[in-house]
Amino acid sequence: MKSPTRILLAISFLFASMPTLAANQCSTISCDCSKLPTQSWQETCRNQENRLVANCVKNNNASIGYCSLHGPQANALPLATNITQVAPATQAQFTELNHKAALIYWSMINDFDYFKRHIEKRRFIAARGALELIDKNSDTLYTLQQKLSSGLAAEDKNALSQQSWRDYSQDALGAATDLYNYSEYLLNTYDTLDNEQQRNRMRDVGIQLMATAGKVYEQAGLAYGNGMRHKHAAQAWKNASQASALILSHSTEKTNQSKQNEYYRYQSASRLHRASYHWAIGEGKGAAGESLVEAQKFMGNGGSAISGIVREEEAIRASQPYWRK
């Protein structure tokens, strides 16, 4: 056994090293501020990034919060799409990947048909199973697209890489819209059911479907951005924010706890901030004011952190000739 002195020394060393360990982990937090379009946006972003790092160190790497204004490579975000590095596809794999993607996309369509049939027959457990397949396949499709596009770029076929993202984005947008519309239908009609258990289950599965719709809108927004279609990307991100806002509006104590509500609130804001980024890139200064104002509504007291750039965008917009407004 260790002597009491050695144990005390070990404990002292452990606690002395915790702030350093937390600081090292917290130093990886990034809101990707340098990619933002103006100096004022970058400064606002860096201020909130510094606050996140300070909170992370203070809380020993627990509950650090999220970036609000951010660039495309930020890593402290409440988004649904988990973006990871993938190995680029080789030229020999291109045809196989395209074939596999087509099969998965058709599988999603069939699973969605099954999902709706299960809902019509009030088979909510079976409906959840179909929805889980749709959600998983949407992630697989995005990963396949990453492999394909990065493989084309590795072959110095950048134009084809961007075109592949644009082709994918149209399919993703269509899928997201179908999921969103049916989820909206479920969330608008569950109150008409007489059976309380069925009513609660339809609401829950409607919220789950809306979460998947929001994620697929994210994937469409990411794809449009990679395809250099920034105005389309901005609209897709705005649609994604509307999805999480609808989840919030249908949340109850039974369906979501306060932490989950906070997550969807920040998610709505972050998606709007990504929309504002693409509006600014695609349309120039003054184009992002509307998205920034909407984002403030979800940020609560934290909305004051971006009030300076909101006023700046509104002033630029007001000074522009009428044909650009």
C-alpha atoms as a PDB file:
ATOM      1  CA  MET A   1       0.000   0.000   0.000  1.00  0.00           C
ATOM      2  CA  LYS A   2       1.033   3.610  -0.548  1.00  0.00           C
ATOM      3  CA  SER A   3       1.902   5.688   2.472  1.00  0.00           C
ATOM      4  CA  PRO A   4      -0.538   8.511   3.461  1.00  0.00           C
ATOM      5  CA  THR A   5       2.086  11.051   2.401  1.00  0.00           C
ATOM      6  CA  ARG A   6       2.359   9.569  -1.080  1.00  0.00           C
ATOM      7  CA  ILE A   7      -1.436   9.445  -1.405  1.00  0.00           C
ATOM      8  CA  LEU A   8      -1.725  13.107  -0.430  1.00  0.00           C
ATOM      9  CA  LEU A   9       0.989  14.031  -2.893  1.00  0.00           C
ATOM     10  CA  ALA A  10      -0.786  12.087  -5.654  1.00  0.00           C
ATOM     11  CA  ILE A  11      -4.101  13.825  -4.898  1.00  0.00           C
ATOM     12  CA  SER A  12      -2.408  17.235  -4.837  1.00  0.00           C
ATOM     13  CA  PHE A  13      -0.774  16.518  -8.195  1.00  0.00           C
ATOM     14  CA  LEU A  14      -4.095  15.412  -9.684  1.00  0.00           C
ATOM     15  CA  PHE A  15      -5.952  18.554  -8.685  1.00  0.00           C
ATOM     16  CA  ALA A  16      -3.038  20.777  -9.646  1.00  0.00           C
ATOM     17  CA  SER A  17      -3.005  19.272 -13.138  1.00  0.00           C
ATOM     18  CA  MET A  18      -6.793  19.530 -13.751  1.00  0.00           C
ATOM     19  CA  PRO A  19      -6.841  23.204 -14.849  1.00  0.00           C
ATOM     20  CA  THR A  20      -3.959  22.527 -17.267  1.00  0.00           C
ATOM     21  CA  LEU A  21      -5.727  19.451 -18.652  1.00  0.00           C
ATOM     22  CA  ALA A  22      -8.970  21.402 -19.080  1.00  0.00           C
ATOM     23  CA  ALA A  23      -7.123  24.297 -20.689  1.00  0.00           C
ATOM     24  CA  ASN A  24      -5.494  21.943 -23.213  1.00  0.00           C
ATOM     25  CA  GLN A  25      -8.854  20.397 -24.123  1.00  0.00           C
ATOM     26  CA  CYS A  26     -10.630  23.737 -24.213  1.00  0.00           C
ATOM     27  CA  SER A  27      -8.019  25.222 -26.538  1.00  0.00           C
ATOM     28  CA  THR A  28      -9.469  23.105 -29.357  1.00  0.00           C
ATOM     29  CA  ILE A  29     -12.757  25.051 -29.294  1.00  0.00           C
ATOM     30  CA  SER A  30     -13.166  26.973 -32.529  1.00  0.00           C
ATOM     31  CA  CYS A  31     -15.924  29.164 -33.954  1.00  0.00           C
ATOM     32  CA  ASP A  32     -13.904  29.501 -37.206  1.00  0.00           C
ATOM     33  CA  CYS A  33     -14.078  33.275 -36.940  1.00  0.00           C
ATOM     34  CA  SER A  34     -11.440  34.023 -39.587  1.00  0.00           C
ATOM     35  CA  LYS A  35     -13.769  32.737 -42.330  1.00  0.00           C
ATOM     36  CA  LEU A  36     -16.441  35.364 -41.589  1.00  0.00           C
ATOM     37  CA  PRO A  37     -16.853  38.096 -44.212  1.00  0.00           C
ATOM     38  CA  THR A  38     -16.129  41.317 -42.288  1.00  0.00           C
ATOM     39  CA  GLN A  39     -13.827  42.473 -39.511  1.00  0.00           C
ATOM     40  CA  SER A  40     -16.740  43.365 -37.226  1.00  0.00           C
ATOM     41  CA  TRP A  41     -18.217  39.871 -37.662  1.00  0.00           C
ATOM     42  CA  GLN A  42     -14.838  38.323 -36.900  1.00  0.00           C
ATOM     43  CA  GLU A  43     -14.343  40.423 -33.763  1.00  0.00           C
ATOM     44  CA  THR A  44     -17.831  39.574 -32.485  1.00  0.00           C
ATOM     45  CA  CYS A  45     -17.143  35.909 -33.166  1.00  0.00           C
ATOM     46  CA  ARG A  46     -13.776  35.956 -31.377  1.00  0.00           C
ATOM     47  CA  ASN A  47     -15.314  37.601 -28.308  1.00  0.00           C
ATOM     48  CA  GLN A  48     -17.863  34.807 -27.946  1.00  0.00           C
ATOM     49  CA  GLU A  49     -15.214  32.169 -28.702  1.00  0.00           C
ATOM     50  CA  ASN A  50     -13.078  33.574 -25.875  1.00  0.00           C
ATOM     51  CA  ARG A  51     -16.076  33.354 -23.539  1.00  0.00           C
ATOM     52  CA  LEU A  52     -16.647  29.716 -24.509  1.00  0.00           C
ATOM     53  CA  VAL A  53     -13.013  28.833 -23.839  1.00  0.00           C
ATOM     54  CA  ALA A  54     -13.068  30.663 -20.492  1.00  0.00           C
ATOM     55  CA  ASN A  55     -16.275  28.859 -19.455  1.00  0.00           C
ATOM     56  CA  CYS A  56     -14.792  25.543 -20.540  1.00  0.00           C
ATOM     57  CA  VAL A  57     -11.684  26.037 -18.370  1.00  0.00           C
ATOM     58  CA  LYS A  58     -13.758  27.311 -15.446  1.00  0.00           C
ATOM     59  CA  ASN A  59     -16.074  24.284 -15.588  1.00  0.00           C
ATOM     60  CA  ASN A  60     -13.308  21.720 -16.255  1.00  0.00           C
ATOM     61  CA  ASN A  61     -14.474  21.002 -19.777  1.00  0.00           C
ATOM     62  CA  ALA A  62     -18.169  20.630 -18.882  1.00  0.00           C
ATOM     63  CA  SER A  63     -21.154  22.532 -20.308  1.00  0.00           C
ATOM     64  CA  ILE A  64     -19.231  24.999 -22.443  1.00  0.00           C
ATOM     65  CA  GLY A  65     -22.115  26.314 -24.554  1.00  0.00           C
ATOM     66  CA  TYR A  66     -22.190  26.876 -28.298  1.00  0.00           C
ATOM     67  CA  CYS A  67     -20.844  29.260 -30.915  1.00  0.00           C
ATOM     68  CA  SER A  68     -23.482  31.684 -32.110  1.00  0.00           C
ATOM     69  CA  LEU A  69     -21.953  33.577 -35.035  1.00  0.00           C
ATOM     70  CA  HIS A  70     -19.558  31.137 -36.695  1.00  0.00           C
ATOM     71  CA  GLY A  71     -17.683  30.107 -39.807  1.00  0.00           C
ATOM     72  CA  PRO A  72     -18.195  26.853 -41.738  1.00  0.00           C
ATOM     73  CA  GLN A  73     -15.533  24.864 -39.844  1.00  0.00           C
ATOM     74  CA  ALA A  74     -16.670  25.751 -36.294  1.00  0.00           C
ATOM     75  CA  ASN A  75     -16.701  22.805 -33.915  1.00  0.00           C
ATOM     76  CA  ALA A  76     -18.810  24.000 -30.953  1.00  0.00           C
ATOM     77  CA  LEU A  77     -22.210  23.863 -32.621  1.00  0.00           C
ATOM     78  CA  PRO A  78     -25.582  22.288 -31.727  1.00  0.00           C
ATOM     79  CA  LEU A  79     -26.093  20.946 -35.238  1.00  0.00           C
ATOM     80  CA  ALA A  80     -27.533  17.545 -36.121  1.00  0.00           C
ATOM     81  CA  THR A  81     -25.083  16.644 -38.898  1.00  0.00           C
ATOM     82  CA  ASN A  82     -21.944  14.995 -37.570  1.00  0.00           C
ATOM     83  CA  ILE A  83     -19.245  15.940 -40.062  1.00  0.00           C
ATOM     84  CA  THR A  84     -16.170  13.720 -39.963  1.00  0.00           C
ATOM     85  CA  GLN A  85     -13.136  13.345 -42.186  1.00  0.00           C
ATOM     86  CA  VAL A  86     -13.537  10.556 -44.736  1.00  0.00           C
ATOM     87  CA  ALA A  87     -11.077   8.922 -47.102  1.00  0.00           C
ATOM     88  CA  PRO A  88     -11.467  10.255 -50.683  1.00  0.00           C
ATOM     89  CA  ALA A  89     -12.844   7.777 -53.173  1.00  0.00           C
ATOM     90  CA  THR A  90     -10.539   6.530 -55.895  1.00  0.00           C
ATOM     91  CA  GLN A  91     -11.484   6.889 -59.545  1.00  0.00           C
ATOM     92  CA  ALA A  92     -12.188   3.152 -59.671  1.00  0.00           C
ATOM     93  CA  GLN A  93     -14.809   3.608 -56.941  1.00  0.00           C
ATOM     94  CA  PHE A  94     -16.777   6.472 -58.529  1.00  0.00           C
ATOM     95  CA  THR A  95     -19.261   4.310 -60.455  1.00  0.00           C
ATOM     96  CA  GLU A  96     -19.787   1.993 -57.492  1.00  0.00           C
ATOM     97  CA  LEU A  97     -20.422   4.917 -55.122  1.00  0.00           C
ATOM     98  CA  ASN A  98     -22.936   6.505 -57.485  1.00  0.00           C
ATOM     99  CA  HIS A  99     -24.772   3.189 -57.816  1.00  0.00           C
ATOM    100  CA  LYS A 100     -24.786   2.680 -54.048  1.00  0.00           C
ATOM    101  CA  ALA A 101     -26.070   6.214 -53.451  1.00  0.00           C
ATOM    102  CA  ALA A 102     -28.927   5.674 -55.917  1.00  0.00           C
ATOM    103  CA  LEU A 103     -29.955   2.462 -54.153  1.00  0.00           C
ATOM    104  CA  ILE A 104     -29.913   4.144 -50.742  1.00  0.00           C
ATOM    105  CA  TYR A 105     -31.928   7.093 -52.012  1.00  0.00           C
ATOM    106  CA  TRP A 106     -34.615   4.771 -53.386  1.00  0.00           C
ATOM    107  CA  SER A 107     -34.573   2.871 -50.115  1.00  0.00           C
ATOM    108  CA  MET A 108     -35.292   6.133 -48.302  1.00  0.00           C
ATOM    109  CA  ILE A 109     -38.252   6.779 -50.584  1.00  0.00           C
ATOM    110  CA  ASN A 110     -39.657   3.296 -49.898  1.00  0.00           C
ATOM    111  CA  ASP A 111     -39.047   3.609 -46.154  1.00  0.00           C
ATOM    112  CA  PHE A 112     -40.888   6.927 -46.164  1.00  0.00           C
ATOM    113  CA  ASP A 113     -43.865   5.279 -47.863  1.00  0.00           C
ATOM    114  CA  TYR A 114     -43.808   2.544 -45.202  1.00  0.00           C
ATOM    115  CA  PHE A 115     -43.570   5.201 -42.510  1.00  0.00           C
ATOM    116  CA  LYS A 116     -46.703   6.961 -43.735  1.00  0.00           C
ATOM    117  CA  ARG A 117     -48.630   3.690 -44.028  1.00  0.00           C
ATOM    118  CA  HIS A 118     -47.707   2.802 -40.450  1.00  0.00           C
ATOM    119  CA  ILE A 119     -48.886   6.232 -39.291  1.00  0.00           C
ATOM    120  CA  GLU A 120     -52.211   5.818 -41.101  1.00  0.00           C
ATOM    121  CA  LYS A 121     -52.750   2.517 -39.307  1.00  0.00           C
ATOM    122  CA  ARG A 122     -51.545   4.016 -35.973  1.00  0.00           C
ATOM    123  CA  ARG A 123     -48.603   1.594 -35.814  1.00  0.00           C
ATOM    124  CA  PHE A 124     -46.280   4.089 -34.171  1.00  0.00           C
ATOM    125  CA  ILE A 125     -43.554   1.665 -33.072  1.00  0.00           C
ATOM    126  CA  ALA A 126     -43.210   0.358 -36.636  1.00  0.00           C
ATOM    127  CA  ALA A 127     -43.249   3.956 -37.893  1.00  0.00           C
ATOM    128  CA  ARG A 128     -40.333   4.804 -35.602  1.00  0.00           C
ATOM    129  CA  GLY A 129     -38.397   1.858 -37.021  1.00  0.00           C
ATOM    130  CA  ALA A 130     -38.888   3.104 -40.581  1.00  0.00           C
ATOM    131  CA  LEU A 131     -37.905   6.610 -39.535  1.00  0.00           C
ATOM    132  CA  GLU A 132     -34.703   5.372 -37.895  1.00  0.00           C
ATOM    133  CA  LEU A 133     -33.747   3.773 -41.222  1.00  0.00           C
ATOM    134  CA  ILE A 134     -34.441   7.033 -43.071  1.00  0.00           C
ATOM    135  CA  ASP A 135     -32.333   8.971 -40.590  1.00  0.00           C
ATOM    136  CA  LYS A 136     -29.431   6.511 -40.805  1.00  0.00           C
ATOM    137  CA  ASN A 137     -29.549   6.400 -44.609  1.00  0.00           C
ATOM    138  CA  SER A 138     -29.473  10.194 -44.831  1.00  0.00           C
ATOM    139  CA  ASP A 139     -26.174  10.139 -42.919  1.00  0.00           C
ATOM    140  CA  THR A 140     -24.810   7.368 -45.148  1.00  0.00           C
ATOM    141  CA  LEU A 141     -25.721   9.343 -48.278  1.00  0.00           C
ATOM    142  CA  TYR A 142     -23.933  12.420 -46.993  1.00  0.00           C
ATOM    143  CA  THR A 143     -20.807  10.374 -46.195  1.00  0.00           C
ATOM    144  CA  LEU A 144     -20.838   8.816 -49.678  1.00  0.00           C
ATOM    145  CA  GLN A 145     -21.135  12.288 -51.181  1.00  0.00           C
ATOM    146  CA  GLN A 146     -18.158  13.470 -49.125  1.00  0.00           C
ATOM    147  CA  LYS A 147     -16.078  10.546 -50.403  1.00  0.00           C
ATOM    148  CA  LEU A 148     -17.100  11.161 -54.010  1.00  0.00           C
ATOM    149  CA  SER A 149     -16.540  14.908 -54.020  1.00  0.00           C
ATOM    150  CA  SER A 150     -13.200  14.711 -52.209  1.00  0.00           C
ATOM    151  CA  GLY A 151     -12.138  11.972 -54.619  1.00  0.00           C
ATOM    152  CA  LEU A 152     -12.952  14.187 -57.605  1.00  0.00           C
ATOM    153  CA  ALA A 153     -11.050  17.070 -56.018  1.00  0.00           C
ATOM    154  CA  ALA A 154      -8.056  14.787 -55.458  1.00  0.00           C
ATOM    155  CA  GLU A 155      -8.110  14.100 -59.212  1.00  0.00           C
ATOM    156  CA  ASP A 156      -7.979  17.902 -59.832  1.00  0.00           C
ATOM    157  CA  LYS A 157     -11.576  17.801 -61.040  1.00  0.00           C
ATOM    158  CA  ASN A 158     -12.784  20.661 -58.867  1.00  0.00           C
ATOM    159  CA  ALA A 159     -15.562  21.729 -61.225  1.00  0.00           C
ATOM    160  CA  LEU A 160     -16.963  18.197 -61.233  1.00  0.00           C
ATOM    161  CA  SER A 161     -16.603  18.047 -57.444  1.00  0.00           C
ATOM    162  CA  GLN A 162     -18.675  21.201 -57.058  1.00  0.00           C
ATOM    163  CA  GLN A 163     -21.216  19.929 -59.592  1.00  0.00           C
ATOM    164  CA  SER A 164     -21.569  16.683 -57.637  1.00  0.00           C
ATOM    165  CA  TRP A 165     -22.389  18.713 -54.518  1.00  0.00           C
ATOM    166  CA  ARG A 166     -24.998  20.699 -56.460  1.00  0.00           C
ATOM    167  CA  ASP A 167     -26.594  17.499 -57.794  1.00  0.00           C
ATOM    168  CA  TYR A 168     -26.677  16.014 -54.316  1.00  0.00           C
ATOM    169  CA  SER A 169     -28.061  19.210 -52.789  1.00  0.00           C
ATOM    170  CA  GLN A 170     -31.151  19.143 -55.002  1.00  0.00           C
ATOM    171  CA  ASP A 171     -31.980  15.582 -53.948  1.00  0.00           C
ATOM    172  CA  ALA A 172     -31.325  16.399 -50.280  1.00  0.00           C
ATOM    173  CA  LEU A 173     -33.503  19.499 -50.468  1.00  0.00           C
ATOM    174  CA  GLY A 174     -36.358  17.541 -52.019  1.00  0.00           C
ATOM    175  CA  ALA A 175     -36.110  14.814 -49.370  1.00  0.00           C
ATOM    176  CA  ALA A 176     -35.964  17.362 -46.548  1.00  0.00           C
ATOM    177  CA  THR A 177     -39.025  19.181 -47.873  1.00  0.00           C
ATOM    178  CA  ASP A 178     -41.053  15.952 -48.092  1.00  0.00           C
ATOM    179  CA  LEU A 179     -40.082  15.022 -44.523  1.00  0.00           C
ATOM    180  CA  TYR A 180     -40.814  18.540 -43.260  1.00  0.00           C
ATOM    181  CA  ASN A 181     -44.235  18.756 -44.905  1.00  0.00           C
ATOM    182  CA  TYR A 182     -45.418  15.420 -43.535  1.00  0.00           C
ATOM    183  CA  SER A 183     -44.041  16.201 -40.090  1.00  0.00           C
ATOM    184  CA  GLU A 184     -45.882  19.512 -40.148  1.00  0.00           C
ATOM    185  CA  TYR A 185     -49.052  17.607 -41.019  1.00  0.00           C
ATOM    186  CA  LEU A 186     -48.558  15.270 -38.033  1.00  0.00           C
ATOM    187  CA  LEU A 187     -47.855  18.141 -35.649  1.00  0.00           C
ATOM    188  CA  ASN A 188     -50.931  20.014 -36.865  1.00  0.00           C
ATOM    189  CA  THR A 189     -53.289  17.030 -36.508  1.00  0.00           C
ATOM    190  CA  TYR A 190     -52.271  15.020 -33.421  1.00  0.00           C
ATOM    191  CA  ASP A 191     -54.585  17.130 -31.248  1.00  0.00           C
ATOM    192  CA  THR A 192     -57.563  15.861 -33.241  1.00  0.00           C
ATOM    193  CA  LEU A 193     -57.058  12.273 -32.026  1.00  0.00           C
ATOM    194  CA  ASP A 194     -59.439  11.199 -29.256  1.00  0.00           C
ATOM    195  CA  ASN A 195     -57.143   8.568 -27.774  1.00  0.00           C
ATOM    196  CA  GLU A 196     -54.603  10.263 -25.484  1.00  0.00           C
ATOM    197  CA  GLN A 197     -51.922   7.603 -25.952  1.00  0.00           C
ATOM    198  CA  GLN A 198     -52.186   7.817 -29.741  1.00  0.00           C
ATOM    199  CA  ARG A 199     -52.181  11.595 -29.527  1.00  0.00           C
ATOM    200  CA  ASN A 200     -48.935  11.617 -27.534  1.00  0.00           C
ATOM    201  CA  ARG A 201     -47.309   9.035 -29.787  1.00  0.00           C
ATOM    202  CA  MET A 202     -48.199  10.936 -32.947  1.00  0.00           C
ATOM    203  CA  ARG A 203     -46.799  14.137 -31.462  1.00  0.00           C
ATOM    204  CA  ASP A 204     -43.588  12.363 -30.455  1.00  0.00           C
ATOM    205  CA  VAL A 205     -43.064  10.727 -33.835  1.00  0.00           C
ATOM    206  CA  GLY A 206     -43.896  14.046 -35.528  1.00  0.00           C
ATOM    207  CA  ILE A 207     -41.160  15.741 -33.495  1.00  0.00           C
ATOM    208  CA  GLN A 208     -38.735  12.939 -34.341  1.00  0.00           C
ATOM    209  CA  LEU A 209     -39.555  13.282 -38.047  1.00  0.00           C
ATOM    210  CA  MET A 210     -39.101  17.056 -37.859  1.00  0.00           C
ATOM    211  CA  ALA A 211     -35.663  16.541 -36.293  1.00  0.00           C
ATOM    212  CA  THR A 212     -34.680  14.335 -39.245  1.00  0.00           C
ATOM    213  CA  ALA A 213     -36.081  16.900 -41.688  1.00  0.00           C
ATOM    214  CA  GLY A 214     -33.983  19.604 -40.026  1.00  0.00           C
ATOM    215  CA  LYS A 215     -30.851  17.479 -40.325  1.00  0.00           C
ATOM    216  CA  VAL A 216     -31.437  16.763 -44.012  1.00  0.00           C
ATOM    217  CA  TYR A 217     -31.968  20.510 -44.567  1.00  0.00           C
ATOM    218  CA  GLU A 218     -28.580  21.001 -42.891  1.00  0.00           C
ATOM    219  CA  GLN A 219     -27.052  18.503 -45.313  1.00  0.00           C
ATOM    220  CA  ALA A 220     -28.646  20.343 -48.243  1.00  0.00           C
ATOM    221  CA  GLY A 221     -27.259  23.627 -46.911  1.00  0.00           C
ATOM    222  CA  LEU A 222     -23.781  22.153 -46.516  1.00  0.00           C
ATOM    223  CA  ALA A 223     -23.969  20.734 -50.044  1.00  0.00           C
ATOM    224  CA  TYR A 224     -25.125  24.004 -51.606  1.00  0.00           C
ATOM    225  CA  GLY A 225     -22.291  25.795 -49.826  1.00  0.00           C
ATOM    226  CA  ASN A 226     -19.720  23.295 -51.113  1.00  0.00           C
ATOM    227  CA  GLY A 227     -21.244  23.720 -54.564  1.00  0.00           C
ATOM    228  CA  MET A 228     -20.806  27.521 -54.365  1.00  0.00           C
ATOM    229  CA  ARG A 229     -24.561  28.174 -54.375  1.00  0.00           C
ATOM    230  CA  HIS A 230     -24.614  30.416 -51.335  1.00  0.00           C
ATOM    231  CA  LYS A 231     -28.108  31.889 -51.685  1.00  0.00           C
ATOM    232  CA  HIS A 232     -29.586  28.400 -51.967  1.00  0.00           C
ATOM    233  CA  ALA A 233     -27.467  27.343 -48.986  1.00  0.00           C
ATOM    234  CA  ALA A 234     -28.807  30.248 -46.942  1.00  0.00           C
ATOM    235  CA  GLN A 235     -32.409  29.263 -47.658  1.00  0.00           C
ATOM    236  CA  ALA A 236     -31.752  25.615 -46.768  1.00  0.00           C
ATOM    237  CA  TRP A 237     -30.230  26.656 -43.434  1.00  0.00           C
ATOM    238  CA  LYS A 238     -33.198  28.926 -42.772  1.00  0.00           C
ATOM    239  CA  ASN A 239     -35.533  25.985 -43.434  1.00  0.00           C
ATOM    240  CA  ALA A 240     -33.479  23.898 -40.998  1.00  0.00           C
ATOM    241  CA  SER A 241     -33.979  26.591 -38.367  1.00  0.00           C
ATOM    242  CA  GLN A 242     -37.727  26.580 -38.955  1.00  0.00           C
ATOM    243  CA  ALA A 243     -37.701  22.818 -38.304  1.00  0.00           C
ATOM    244  CA  SER A 244     -36.073  23.162 -34.868  1.00  0.00           C
ATOM    245  CA  ALA A 245     -38.341  26.124 -34.069  1.00  0.00           C
ATOM    246  CA  LEU A 246     -41.383  23.938 -34.777  1.00  0.00           C
ATOM    247  CA  ILE A 247     -40.002  21.241 -32.484  1.00  0.00           C
ATOM    248  CA  LEU A 248     -39.769  23.855 -29.737  1.00  0.00           C
ATOM    249  CA  SER A 249     -43.320  25.020 -30.299  1.00  0.00           C
ATOM    250  CA  HIS A 250     -44.677  21.472 -29.880  1.00  0.00           C
ATOM    251  CA  SER A 251     -42.500  20.509 -26.936  1.00  0.00           C
ATOM    252  CA  THR A 252     -44.066  19.720 -23.587  1.00  0.00           C
ATOM    253  CA  GLU A 253     -42.726  18.570 -20.252  1.00  0.00           C
ATOM    254  CA  LYS A 254     -43.406  15.018 -21.375  1.00  0.00           C
ATOM    255  CA  THR A 255     -41.650  15.236 -24.722  1.00  0.00           C
ATOM    256  CA  ASN A 256     -38.653  17.418 -23.884  1.00  0.00           C
ATOM    257  CA  GLN A 257     -36.791  18.455 -20.768  1.00  0.00           C
ATOM    258  CA  SER A 258     -35.418  21.958 -20.326  1.00  0.00           C
ATOM    259  CA  LYS A 259     -31.924  20.989 -21.546  1.00  0.00           C
ATOM    260  CA  GLN A 260     -33.369  19.612 -24.755  1.00  0.00           C
ATOM    261  CA  ASN A 261     -35.417  22.758 -25.249  1.00  0.00           C
ATOM    262  CA  GLU A 262     -32.279  24.812 -24.752  1.00  0.00           C
ATOM    263  CA  TYR A 263     -30.493  22.660 -27.322  1.00  0.00           C
ATOM    264  CA  TYR A 264     -33.191  23.248 -29.953  1.00  0.00           C
ATOM    265  CA  ARG A 265     -33.250  26.954 -29.150  1.00  0.00           C
ATOM    266  CA  TYR A 266     -29.508  27.242 -29.743  1.00  0.00           C
ATOM    267  CA  GLN A 267     -29.837  24.997 -32.775  1.00  0.00           C
ATOM    268  CA  SER A 268     -32.383  27.369 -34.321  1.00  0.00           C
ATOM    269  CA  ALA A 269     -30.059  30.304 -33.683  1.00  0.00           C
ATOM    270  CA  SER A 270     -26.972  28.523 -35.028  1.00  0.00           C
ATOM    271  CA  ARG A 271     -28.773  27.480 -38.200  1.00  0.00           C
ATOM    272  CA  LEU A 272     -29.874  31.074 -38.758  1.00  0.00           C
ATOM    273  CA  HIS A 273     -26.332  32.264 -38.180  1.00  0.00           C
ATOM    274  CA  ARG A 274     -25.128  29.827 -40.831  1.00  0.00           C
ATOM    275  CA  ALA A 275     -27.828  31.212 -43.140  1.00  0.00           C
ATOM    276  CA  SER A 276     -26.579  34.732 -42.416  1.00  0.00           C
ATOM    277  CA  TYR A 277     -23.034  33.652 -43.311  1.00  0.00           C
ATOM    278  CA  HIS A 278     -24.188  32.400 -46.723  1.00  0.00           C
ATOM    279  CA  TRP A 279     -26.359  35.472 -47.338  1.00  0.00           C
ATOM    280  CA  ALA A 280     -23.314  37.666 -46.672  1.00  0.00           C
ATOM    281  CA  ILE A 281     -21.090  35.568 -48.960  1.00  0.00           C
ATOM    282  CA  GLY A 282     -23.680  35.314 -51.723  1.00  0.00           C
ATOM    283  CA  GLU A 283     -25.265  38.763 -51.606  1.00  0.00           C
ATOM    284  CA  GLY A 284     -22.682  40.951 -49.906  1.00  0.00           C
ATOM    285  CA  LYS A 285     -22.885  43.340 -46.968  1.00  0.00           C
ATOM    286  CA  GLY A 286     -26.366  44.165 -45.737  1.00  0.00           C
ATOM    287  CA  ALA A 287     -27.952  40.890 -46.886  1.00  0.00           C
ATOM    288  CA  ALA A 288     -27.758  39.025 -43.584  1.00  0.00           C
ATOM    289  CA  GLY A 289     -29.680  41.389 -41.310  1.00  0.00           C
ATOM    290  CA  GLU A 290     -32.984  39.510 -41.398  1.00  0.00           C
ATOM    291  CA  SER A 291     -31.416  36.164 -40.420  1.00  0.00           C
ATOM    292  CA  LEU A 292     -29.385  37.800 -37.652  1.00  0.00           C
ATOM    293  CA  VAL A 293     -32.478  39.476 -36.187  1.00  0.00           C
ATOM    294  CA  GLU A 294     -34.354  36.156 -36.245  1.00  0.00           C
ATOM    295  CA  ALA A 295     -31.412  34.454 -34.545  1.00  0.00           C
ATOM    296  CA  GLN A 296     -31.492  36.990 -31.720  1.00  0.00           C
ATOM    297  CA  LYS A 297     -35.000  35.847 -30.798  1.00  0.00           C
ATOM    298  CA  PHE A 298     -33.662  32.390 -29.952  1.00  0.00           C
ATOM    299  CA  MET A 299     -30.569  33.611 -28.123  1.00  0.00           C
ATOM    300  CA  GLY A 300     -32.350  35.314 -25.217  1.00  0.00           C
ATOM    301  CA  ASN A 301     -29.979  37.566 -23.277  1.00  0.00           C
ATOM    302  CA  GLY A 302     -27.132  36.264 -25.425  1.00  0.00           C
ATOM    303  CA  GLY A 303     -28.629  38.084 -28.405  1.00  0.00           C
ATOM    304  CA  SER A 304     -27.019  41.313 -27.259  1.00  0.00           C
ATOM    305  CA  ALA A 305     -23.631  39.852 -28.252  1.00  0.00           C
ATOM    306  CA  ILE A 306     -24.472  40.284 -31.943  1.00  0.00           C
ATOM    307  CA  SER A 307     -26.464  43.533 -31.663  1.00  0.00           C
ATOM    308  CA  GLY A 308     -23.548  45.531 -33.110  1.00  0.00           C
ATOM    309  CA  ILE A 309     -23.377  43.612 -36.373  1.00  0.00           C
ATOM    310  CA  VAL A 310     -27.182  43.543 -36.589  1.00  0.00           C
ATOM    311  CA  ARG A 311     -27.221  47.351 -36.520  1.00  0.00           C
ATOM    312  CA  GLU A 312     -24.366  47.424 -39.026  1.00  0.00           C
ATOM    313  CA  GLU A 313     -26.210  45.149 -41.463  1.00  0.00           C
ATOM    314  CA  GLU A 314     -29.428  47.150 -41.096  1.00  0.00           C
ATOM    315  CA  ALA A 315     -27.598  50.434 -41.723  1.00  0.00           C
ATOM    316  CA  ILE A 316     -25.909  49.051 -44.848  1.00  0.00           C
ATOM    317  CA  ARG A 317     -29.222  47.705 -46.106  1.00  0.00           C
ATOM    318  CA  ALA A 318     -30.969  51.042 -45.510  1.00  0.00           C
ATOM    319  CA  SER A 319     -28.284  52.924 -47.449  1.00  0.00           C
ATOM    320  CA  GLN A 320     -28.566  50.723 -50.544  1.00  0.00           C
ATOM    321  CA  PRO A 321     -30.630  51.773 -53.603  1.00  0.00           C
ATOM    322  CA  TYR A 322     -34.150  50.370 -53.682  1.00  0.00           C
ATOM    323  CA  TRP A 323     -33.424  47.866 -56.467  1.00  0.00           C
ATOM    324  CA  ARG A 324     -30.942  46.045 -54.229  1.00  0.00           C
ATOM    325  CA  LYS A 325     -33.210  45.842 -51.154  1.00  0.00           C
END
